[in-house]
Every structure is written in structure tokens, then in C-alpha cells.
Amino acid sequence: MAQVRYAIAGYPVAHSLSPLLFGLVVANLEKFKNRVDLKFNSTSLHLVETPSIEDALGWGYSAATPRISKWDFTGTPFGKFRTETLVKKAVTLAQTIEDCDASFVSEFDSSVEYPSGGLNAYTQQAVKHNLPTNVLEKEVLLSLTSPLKHQLSSDAVTAVDDSMIIQSVNSLRWDGRSWWCAGVDGLGIVSLASHFGILAEKGALLGLCGGGGAARSTAHAWIRAGGKVRLFSGRRKLELPFDVKFDTSSAPLDLVINFDDKPCDTSEFSKCSFEINPSYSSLDGDINFRIESLLSKPLDGRWMLVAQHLEAWKHLWAPQYAELLPSLGLLLTQLIHAENLLSSYT
């Protein structure tokens, strides 16, 4: 039975839904009892509130945090009875939801191919990078948020992608001997756009504002998937350490994302009918209201959160279980129900 420690690290993180999302994915995987060596009761969830990557890595080694942070959804830290009890209640409730809400169903989602007796594509890539493809006795899994994504640069950490080169690491794994990392923000955007029928592989045009780690990851992943990117002025100029040709045409945009903390004041952005908001805030109201909120535009950041979280599982944390993961729509549905239960106790 594997013991897994998970944390979201960055500053601030008290508002993060990532720990709840992690618990939901583990619980979904547990349904495949004969194929999965993960147990929710053997995992622990944490907040590592810090502006320093050294503190995040230090937590991985020692489980010590620089400060104890209360989680916004329970008012107490992880490890305390109230938070642990409410998270288990929320996860248990969510697992009774076995079907994606009808509003979140997509005809464009594709399943992971898993040849009989063979390895799925994610496991094949993991093998190429010498990434463990089994769950070890003890694992440490980390999600990174601002301002940590650009801070990791170490020969002691093995990247399974270009995330350290473009300074956009948002997922880490420690197998007890070695650190591994990946940047899946951009992959999450590609997956999320595909859910709505906007396909990078068919040359879809993405309008992008911002120059931080998530913006770099998104531009890189979108172009590698076959899409085109048009840049708009933001607080920081977006630069990639590769020979990249950005779009300069006047063609209409298929989707837009603004990673800056101020509006992107261009008519091209406002004319685009599909916008993803990379951030999210608290929601009030019943389940129906929450679902309606997630369908309004710009698209709530929970969509991106769920999409990139699933990519972290596929590419870094457990590629061997990729075909067992819940769909984007189902996991978002479960998250909304779990979050709604937590709000009833505040």
C-alpha cells in the first residue's frame, strides 16, 4: 500500500482547490482496486505556503513547512481533525457521482489508447525518460504555483519535458531517490480547448497575453501541438528559448487567454467568443448555480485547473494509470459537488 504525500506550493496557496482535486483523483483510481496501488487513506494533503522553491523541495525531503496555513475551505490547516474529516466527507460524496454532468459532456474527448499487453503512450514516454512507472512505497508529489514556476533550475532534478528550459515547472515527483519535474499548464490548455472542439492540431489560433511561466508553457505546448499563437502586449514580453514563429495575420482568433492581472485592452480579444480565465474565485450558491457559473464566459479557471491536474497525472505522477483517470467533465462535476459540500460547513 503506497504512502503518498501531496502538496500545493507557492504564495499564496490557502485558496487552492488542488489538494481536494488530488484526493478526488486518488479516490477515482481506487475504484480499479486490482490495478492500482494507491489508497486515499494512505495519502496526506498539505499546503506549503512559500515564495521559495527551496522551501518546497525541503518539504519534500522532511515534510516540514515554513509556516502553517489555514485552508480557506475549512478554516483550519491540513492535518487538523476538521479539515481531514471534511475532505473525506467531500471526497466520499463526490465519488457517488459517476456520470459527467450533461452540461460538461464533450463529443471531442478522446480516451487513452492502451494496447493489449502493451504500454500506453504516456508510459512509453516515461520509460524513455527513466521515470518510474510503478507506485513506490513512499512518494512525494508536488504542484507548483506562482512565484515558484520559474525558480527551478537544478541538475539534481530530471525534467521529462522542456519545462526547466522555458522556466515553467508546475509539477514535481520524488521517488525516494530522485526528483522529476514537468510543466503541464500548456498541455492542460490544449486538452481543455479540445474538449470544446478547438483543436490545436488543426491549426487553431490562440491569442495570448502575458509573459510568465503559465503563458510560456501555453505558447510552447500550443505550437508543438500544431496550433498558431498571436501575442498581445502585457506586463512582460513573452519569450521562448526556441526559434518560434508567432502569428502576425489578421485572421480571427479561435480562443484567447489573458495571464496578466490587468485587462488586455484590444478589440481582437473582445471579439473572440471563447476566452479562458486562468484564475478562479470562490463560488456561492447551489449546484445548479455553480454549474451555470462554470458555463459562462470567460471560462472559469477551474476548467484549466482540472485539465492541467489530469495532465500531471498522465505525464509525471502515474502515467501507467492514464487510461483509468476520470474524464475532464466528470472530474469537474465531482469537484463542484465536493466544493459545494465544504461550503455548507462554513
Protein backbone atom coordinates (compact mmCIF):
# COMPACT_ATOMS: atom_id res chain seq x y z
CA MET A 1 0.00 0.00 0.00
CA ALA A 2 1.67 3.20 -1.18
CA GLN A 3 2.04 6.17 1.12
CA VAL A 4 1.81 9.40 -0.85
CA ARG A 5 2.38 12.94 0.37
CA TYR A 6 0.93 15.68 -1.82
CA ALA A 7 1.21 19.45 -1.55
CA ILE A 8 0.50 22.61 -3.48
CA ALA A 9 3.41 25.01 -3.00
CA GLY A 10 3.61 28.72 -3.72
CA TYR A 11 2.42 32.01 -2.32
CA PRO A 12 -0.44 32.31 -1.62
CA VAL A 13 -1.98 28.81 -1.65
CA ALA A 14 -4.64 28.90 1.07
CA HIS A 15 -7.33 29.37 -1.61
CA SER A 16 -6.18 26.42 -3.73
CA LEU A 17 -8.53 23.60 -4.70
CA SER A 18 -5.61 21.40 -5.78
CA PRO A 19 -5.49 19.28 -2.58
CA LEU A 20 -9.18 18.46 -2.92
CA LEU A 21 -8.68 17.69 -6.60
CA PHE A 22 -5.80 15.36 -5.79
CA GLY A 23 -7.94 13.46 -3.28
CA LEU A 24 -10.71 13.11 -5.86
CA VAL A 25 -8.36 11.63 -8.47
CA VAL A 26 -6.93 9.13 -5.98
CA ALA A 27 -10.45 8.08 -4.99
CA ASN A 28 -11.38 7.61 -8.65
CA LEU A 29 -8.32 5.44 -9.21
CA GLU A 30 -9.16 3.37 -6.14
CA LYS A 31 -12.21 2.07 -7.99
CA PHE A 32 -9.81 -0.07 -10.01
CA LYS A 33 -8.67 -1.99 -6.92
CA ASN A 34 -6.89 -4.80 -8.69
CA ARG A 35 -4.87 -2.48 -10.92
CA VAL A 36 -3.97 0.48 -8.70
CA ASP A 37 -1.65 0.62 -5.72
CA LEU A 38 -2.91 3.89 -4.25
CA LYS A 39 -5.17 4.38 -1.26
CA PHE A 40 -6.71 7.68 -0.21
CA ASN A 41 -6.39 6.71 3.45
CA SER A 42 -2.63 6.39 2.93
CA THR A 43 -2.21 9.80 1.31
CA SER A 44 -1.74 13.10 3.10
CA LEU A 45 -2.58 16.55 1.73
CA HIS A 46 -0.66 19.72 2.52
CA LEU A 47 -0.26 23.42 1.81
CA VAL A 48 3.31 24.70 1.52
CA GLU A 49 2.93 28.46 1.55
CA THR A 50 6.27 29.90 0.49
CA PRO A 51 7.83 32.20 -2.12
CA SER A 52 10.91 29.96 -2.30
CA ILE A 53 11.44 26.76 -4.30
CA GLU A 54 13.99 25.68 -1.69
CA ASP A 55 11.22 25.53 0.92
CA ALA A 56 9.07 23.44 -1.41
CA LEU A 57 11.87 20.95 -2.03
CA GLY A 58 12.70 20.96 1.68
CA TRP A 59 9.13 19.94 2.45
CA GLY A 60 9.54 17.07 0.02
CA TYR A 61 12.51 15.76 1.96
CA SER A 62 11.38 16.41 5.53
CA ALA A 63 7.62 17.21 5.46
CA ALA A 64 8.44 20.43 7.34
CA THR A 65 6.66 23.60 6.22
CA PRO A 66 7.93 27.16 6.77
CA ARG A 67 4.53 28.21 8.11
CA ILE A 68 1.22 26.57 8.97
CA SER A 69 -1.56 27.85 6.70
CA LYS A 70 -5.29 27.57 7.21
CA TRP A 71 -7.16 26.25 4.21
CA ASP A 72 -9.85 28.70 3.08
CA PHE A 73 -12.43 25.94 2.58
CA THR A 74 -12.36 24.69 6.18
CA GLY A 75 -10.74 27.47 8.19
CA THR A 76 -8.15 25.08 9.65
CA PRO A 77 -4.85 23.64 8.38
CA PHE A 78 -4.44 20.24 6.75
CA GLY A 79 -3.63 17.66 9.38
CA LYS A 80 -6.24 19.03 11.76
CA PHE A 81 -9.33 16.96 12.51
CA ARG A 82 -11.82 19.39 10.98
CA THR A 83 -10.06 19.64 7.63
CA GLU A 84 -9.27 15.93 7.39
CA THR A 85 -12.87 14.97 8.25
CA LEU A 86 -14.48 17.44 5.85
CA VAL A 87 -12.20 16.50 2.97
CA LYS A 88 -13.07 12.82 3.44
CA LYS A 89 -16.78 13.71 3.53
CA ALA A 90 -16.44 15.78 0.36
CA VAL A 91 -14.49 13.08 -1.49
CA THR A 92 -16.92 10.36 -0.39
CA LEU A 93 -19.88 12.40 -1.62
CA ALA A 94 -18.17 13.18 -4.91
CA GLN A 95 -17.50 9.51 -5.58
CA THR A 96 -21.24 8.85 -5.65
CA ILE A 97 -21.24 10.97 -8.82
CA GLU A 98 -20.31 8.52 -11.55
CA ASP A 99 -21.52 10.43 -14.59
CA CYS A 100 -20.35 13.73 -16.00
CA ASP A 101 -22.94 16.50 -15.76
CA ALA A 102 -24.74 16.73 -19.10
CA SER A 103 -23.55 20.33 -19.50
CA PHE A 104 -19.91 19.21 -19.31
CA VAL A 105 -20.12 16.35 -21.81
CA SER A 106 -17.89 16.69 -24.87
CA GLU A 107 -18.05 14.84 -28.17
CA PHE A 108 -14.40 15.72 -28.77
CA ASP A 109 -12.82 13.96 -25.76
CA SER A 110 -10.62 11.03 -26.68
CA SER A 111 -9.71 8.08 -24.49
CA VAL A 112 -6.18 6.90 -23.80
CA GLU A 113 -5.22 4.02 -26.03
CA TYR A 114 -3.91 1.03 -24.12
CA PRO A 115 -2.91 -1.85 -26.41
CA SER A 116 -3.47 -5.32 -25.05
CA GLY A 117 -0.25 -6.42 -23.37
CA GLY A 118 1.41 -3.12 -24.27
CA LEU A 119 2.11 0.27 -22.75
CA ASN A 120 0.01 3.38 -23.23
CA ALA A 121 1.68 6.36 -24.91
CA TYR A 122 2.32 8.12 -21.58
CA THR A 123 4.05 5.09 -20.10
CA GLN A 124 6.14 4.73 -23.24
CA GLN A 125 7.36 8.30 -22.82
CA ALA A 126 8.03 7.70 -19.12
CA VAL A 127 10.20 4.72 -19.95
CA LYS A 128 12.23 6.87 -22.36
CA HIS A 129 12.96 9.30 -19.52
CA ASN A 130 13.65 6.52 -16.99
CA LEU A 131 10.69 7.75 -14.96
CA PRO A 132 9.34 5.08 -12.57
CA THR A 133 6.19 3.51 -13.97
CA ASN A 134 5.04 1.93 -10.75
CA VAL A 135 3.92 3.42 -7.45
CA LEU A 136 6.70 3.09 -4.91
CA GLU A 137 6.29 2.55 -1.19
CA LYS A 138 6.65 6.26 -0.50
CA GLU A 139 6.07 9.05 -2.99
CA VAL A 140 6.13 12.83 -2.80
CA LEU A 141 4.06 14.71 -5.39
CA LEU A 142 4.06 18.49 -5.67
CA SER A 143 2.13 21.09 -7.61
CA LEU A 144 3.80 24.48 -8.00
CA THR A 145 2.09 27.81 -8.47
CA SER A 146 3.28 31.42 -8.55
CA PRO A 147 6.00 32.53 -7.84
CA LEU A 148 7.80 29.16 -7.98
CA LYS A 149 7.35 28.02 -11.59
CA HIS A 150 10.40 29.84 -12.92
CA GLN A 151 12.69 29.16 -9.94
CA LEU A 152 13.62 25.53 -10.52
CA SER A 153 16.97 25.06 -12.26
CA SER A 154 18.96 22.13 -10.94
CA ASP A 155 20.94 19.21 -12.31
CA ALA A 156 19.53 17.22 -9.38
CA VAL A 157 16.06 17.33 -10.97
CA THR A 158 15.25 15.46 -14.18
CA ALA A 159 12.72 17.11 -16.50
CA VAL A 160 10.54 14.86 -18.64
CA ASP A 161 9.85 17.80 -20.97
CA ASP A 162 11.12 21.32 -21.74
CA SER A 163 9.72 22.85 -18.54
CA MET A 164 13.07 23.80 -16.99
CA ILE A 165 14.33 25.20 -20.28
CA ILE A 166 11.33 27.52 -20.59
CA GLN A 167 11.23 28.13 -16.81
CA SER A 168 7.73 26.83 -16.34
CA VAL A 169 7.75 23.89 -13.92
CA ASN A 170 4.47 23.25 -12.14
CA SER A 171 4.66 19.55 -11.18
CA LEU A 172 7.26 17.60 -9.24
CA ARG A 173 7.71 14.00 -8.15
CA TRP A 174 10.22 12.49 -5.74
CA ASP A 175 10.51 8.71 -5.79
CA GLY A 176 12.66 8.49 -2.66
CA ARG A 177 15.91 8.84 -4.57
CA SER A 178 15.39 11.26 -7.45
CA TRP A 179 13.40 14.36 -8.32
CA TRP A 180 11.45 14.60 -11.57
CA CYS A 181 9.57 17.59 -12.97
CA ALA A 182 7.20 18.66 -15.73
CA GLY A 183 5.28 21.71 -16.88
CA VAL A 184 1.68 20.86 -17.76
CA ASP A 185 -0.10 24.23 -17.81
CA GLY A 186 0.09 24.35 -21.59
CA LEU A 187 -0.90 20.73 -22.04
CA GLY A 188 -3.93 21.44 -19.90
CA ILE A 189 -4.93 24.31 -22.21
CA VAL A 190 -4.53 22.09 -25.29
CA SER A 191 -6.69 19.41 -23.65
CA LEU A 192 -9.29 21.91 -22.43
CA ALA A 193 -9.60 23.57 -25.82
CA SER A 194 -10.02 20.14 -27.44
CA HIS A 195 -12.87 19.43 -25.01
CA PHE A 196 -14.72 22.33 -26.65
CA GLY A 197 -13.75 21.38 -30.19
CA ILE A 198 -10.94 23.92 -30.61
CA LEU A 199 -8.12 21.76 -31.94
CA ALA A 200 -4.53 22.93 -31.90
CA GLU A 201 -3.55 20.05 -34.18
CA LYS A 202 -5.77 21.54 -36.85
CA GLY A 203 -4.06 24.92 -36.65
CA ALA A 204 -6.41 26.73 -34.24
CA LEU A 205 -5.28 30.29 -33.48
CA LEU A 206 -4.69 31.21 -29.84
CA GLY A 207 -4.47 34.82 -28.65
CA LEU A 208 -2.17 35.13 -25.65
CA CYS A 209 -1.47 37.99 -23.26
CA GLY A 210 1.22 37.69 -20.58
CA GLY A 211 4.81 36.54 -20.32
CA GLY A 212 5.02 34.45 -17.13
CA GLY A 213 5.54 30.73 -16.66
CA ALA A 214 1.99 29.66 -17.47
CA ALA A 215 1.95 31.82 -20.61
CA ARG A 216 5.27 30.38 -21.78
CA SER A 217 4.06 26.84 -21.13
CA THR A 218 0.84 27.51 -23.03
CA ALA A 219 2.54 29.05 -26.06
CA HIS A 220 5.08 26.23 -26.19
CA ALA A 221 2.52 23.43 -25.87
CA TRP A 222 0.06 25.01 -28.31
CA ILE A 223 2.67 25.44 -31.05
CA ARG A 224 4.10 21.96 -30.51
CA ALA A 225 0.58 20.55 -30.84
CA GLY A 226 0.24 22.21 -34.26
CA GLY A 227 -1.55 25.42 -33.35
CA LYS A 228 -0.74 29.06 -34.00
CA VAL A 229 -0.19 31.76 -31.37
CA ARG A 230 -0.63 35.53 -31.64
CA LEU A 231 0.92 37.59 -28.86
CA PHE A 232 -0.57 40.71 -27.29
CA SER A 233 1.25 43.26 -25.15
CA GLY A 234 1.22 42.59 -21.42
CA ARG A 235 3.27 43.49 -18.37
CA ARG A 236 6.01 41.15 -19.55
CA LYS A 237 7.11 40.19 -23.01
CA LEU A 238 6.68 36.51 -23.78
CA GLU A 239 9.93 34.91 -24.88
CA LEU A 240 10.81 31.30 -25.61
CA PRO A 241 14.35 29.91 -25.95
CA PHE A 242 13.47 28.36 -29.30
CA ASP A 243 13.10 29.56 -32.85
CA VAL A 244 9.36 30.23 -32.81
CA LYS A 245 7.24 31.96 -35.42
CA PHE A 246 4.26 33.75 -33.88
CA ASP A 247 1.18 34.65 -35.88
CA THR A 248 1.01 38.18 -37.30
CA SER A 249 -2.02 37.79 -39.54
CA SER A 250 -5.41 39.46 -39.20
CA ALA A 251 -7.27 36.13 -39.02
CA PRO A 252 -9.94 35.86 -36.30
CA LEU A 253 -8.85 34.23 -33.04
CA ASP A 254 -10.28 30.86 -32.03
CA LEU A 255 -9.67 31.39 -28.31
CA VAL A 256 -7.92 33.85 -26.02
CA ILE A 257 -6.23 33.68 -22.62
CA ASN A 258 -5.01 36.60 -20.53
CA PHE A 259 -2.41 35.58 -17.95
CA ASP A 260 -1.83 39.17 -16.82
CA ASP A 261 -3.52 40.68 -13.78
CA LYS A 262 -4.97 43.53 -15.84
CA PRO A 263 -7.34 43.50 -18.83
CA CYS A 264 -5.93 43.00 -22.30
CA ASP A 265 -7.36 46.09 -23.92
CA THR A 266 -7.62 45.07 -27.57
CA SER A 267 -10.65 44.71 -29.81
CA GLU A 268 -9.35 41.35 -31.05
CA PHE A 269 -9.65 39.90 -27.55
CA SER A 270 -13.15 41.22 -27.03
CA LYS A 271 -14.31 39.95 -30.43
CA CYS A 272 -13.26 36.38 -29.66
CA SER A 273 -16.21 34.34 -28.37
CA PHE A 274 -14.13 31.84 -26.41
CA GLU A 275 -11.95 33.06 -23.54
CA ILE A 276 -10.33 31.04 -20.76
CA ASN A 277 -9.83 32.75 -17.40
CA PRO A 278 -6.75 31.13 -15.80
CA SER A 279 -7.85 32.09 -12.27
CA TYR A 280 -10.83 31.18 -10.14
CA SER A 281 -12.52 32.58 -7.07
CA SER A 282 -14.99 31.24 -4.53
CA LEU A 283 -18.47 30.32 -5.70
CA ASP A 284 -21.68 30.69 -3.70
CA GLY A 285 -25.00 29.07 -4.43
CA ASP A 286 -26.41 25.62 -5.07
CA ILE A 287 -25.14 23.00 -7.51
CA ASN A 288 -27.18 24.34 -10.42
CA PHE A 289 -25.85 27.86 -9.91
CA ARG A 290 -22.27 26.59 -9.72
CA ILE A 291 -22.65 24.61 -12.93
CA GLU A 292 -24.16 27.60 -14.71
CA SER A 293 -21.26 29.74 -13.48
CA LEU A 294 -18.78 27.30 -15.00
CA LEU A 295 -20.51 27.50 -18.37
CA SER A 296 -20.42 31.29 -18.61
CA LYS A 297 -17.68 33.16 -20.47
CA PRO A 298 -14.87 33.76 -19.83
CA LEU A 299 -14.49 30.14 -18.83
CA ASP A 300 -13.82 29.77 -15.10
CA GLY A 301 -10.27 28.82 -14.09
CA ARG A 302 -11.49 25.58 -12.53
CA TRP A 303 -11.60 24.16 -16.06
CA MET A 304 -7.91 24.87 -16.54
CA LEU A 305 -7.08 23.63 -13.05
CA VAL A 306 -8.76 20.27 -13.64
CA ALA A 307 -7.30 19.88 -17.13
CA GLN A 308 -3.69 20.55 -16.11
CA HIS A 309 -4.07 18.40 -12.98
CA LEU A 310 -5.06 15.43 -15.13
CA GLU A 311 -2.05 16.10 -17.38
CA ALA A 312 0.24 15.97 -14.35
CA TRP A 313 -1.06 12.50 -13.55
CA LYS A 314 -0.60 11.34 -17.15
CA HIS A 315 2.86 12.72 -17.76
CA LEU A 316 4.55 12.58 -14.36
CA TRP A 317 2.75 11.20 -11.33
CA ALA A 318 1.26 7.95 -12.66
CA PRO A 319 1.49 7.57 -16.45
CA GLN A 320 0.75 3.85 -16.09
CA TYR A 321 -2.77 4.72 -14.91
CA ALA A 322 -3.54 7.26 -17.64
CA GLU A 323 -6.40 5.25 -19.12
CA LEU A 324 -8.02 4.87 -15.69
CA LEU A 325 -8.27 8.58 -14.93
CA PRO A 326 -11.68 10.27 -14.90
CA SER A 327 -12.61 12.49 -17.83
CA LEU A 328 -12.27 16.25 -17.59
CA GLY A 329 -16.04 16.66 -17.40
CA LEU A 330 -16.53 14.01 -14.72
CA LEU A 331 -13.73 15.30 -12.51
CA LEU A 332 -15.03 18.85 -12.78
CA THR A 333 -18.52 17.61 -11.89
CA GLN A 334 -17.17 15.81 -8.82
CA LEU A 335 -15.12 18.86 -7.82
CA ILE A 336 -18.20 21.09 -7.88
CA HIS A 337 -20.16 18.67 -5.69
CA ALA A 338 -17.25 18.32 -3.25
CA GLU A 339 -16.72 22.07 -3.08
CA ASN A 340 -20.43 22.61 -2.52
CA LEU A 341 -20.37 20.24 0.46
CA LEU A 342 -17.41 22.05 2.00
CA SER A 343 -19.20 25.39 1.62
CA SER A 344 -22.14 24.06 3.62
CA TYR A 345 -19.87 23.81 6.69
CA THR A 346 -18.51 27.36 6.53
